[in-house]
């Protein structure tokens, strides 16, 4: 999703004033992103214990819940299209109201139906919000400083996430109950909503569009398979640690703190590795590793090993950067955003399907089968990744980015 740059509303406004507005807008956007980071860190860090200890969900119910939540990702593009006439900061503020109300209402939910309703409310707000920070940052950034400003805004989100996890860890260590912490998470999102009103409103959203072309078919397929892999980790890995191995909330929060810390260190190094080795080699390594992860979840029963595996598995999400850089190499610039949007749509189609299938397998045949489906998915991903053109071949003939038999 793209935005126009901030422009003076009157010729009487000086360049100095425009610069001040940019910086003020970036400050308030950073506050909003930090607030959302705090909200989602609390939600993610507490979720597994909440659904097991408080709501007592079965594997199938957990799958149904995640299926509903992820369906919001498919609807998000349509919601953005309908709201395209509105300034982006106002859309962002409205979505953070939904996020805050949905997450905060976890404090009071007492039935599975009410849990689904609350989850859909916050998930829809989150999924519509997700593309907006980058879009607004690009509109607010000074010429030649887009990358620098994007990094600052992402760092603000990371700071908020770290703060949320530390607050939750301290509170659980003090005997604080899980449910009231969702009020803190909801309040953080509402703080982010308030910050959005400090962002200049000269930006208006363009209608999002999708590009579906045969030459990008390998990318679409890998995005679909990644959506399946993602949901095995997000829906069932943490659930397994709490349901089967009795992992307490403090330990889950410590695991998420370790994931955030490791991700901060690993992400730039993986990015440099992608630049050197190319997308094909990187993704093949990634999918081979995932195969081993899924087998381990299914067959190894040491909680300490699985705690370490949970950290590594989540950190490995950074390797999906290779899918984005692959699009950057095979698609013209005007097709980057719509092609990536189609990839997100494909990812969410799988993300809706997998929890339903995995939850059914968990209840009918045991938890191992929810993870063993990931072995099949990862093996298929290896085959597809092998068909990607190498970095050298793309450099020789960019048109080879197509298809189906590229190697």
Foldseek 3Di string as FASTA:
>chain_A
DAKAADDDPDPVDDPVNLLVQLVLQLVLLLLLLLLLLLLVLLCLLCVLCCCCVPVNDALLLLLQLLLLLLVLLLCLLVVCQVQQQFFLLLLLLVLLLQLLQLLLCLLPDHHSVSVSVSSNSNSNSCNNNVVRSLNLLCNSDDPPCSVVSVVSSVVSSLNSNLVNLVVVLVCVVVVHDSSNSSNVSSVSSNSSSVSSVSHDRPIGHDRAAADDDQFCVLLLLLLLLVLLLVLLLSRPLSNCLCVVVNDDSNLSSVLVSLLSVVLVVCLVVLVVVCVVFPLLVLQLVLLVVLLVLLQCSQPPDDSVVSSVSSSVSSSSVSSCVRSLVLCVLQDPPVNSRNHVSSSSSSSSVSSSVLSNVQSVCCVPPRNSVSSVVSNVSSVVNSVSSNQQAGPVVCVVPSNSSGDDRHD
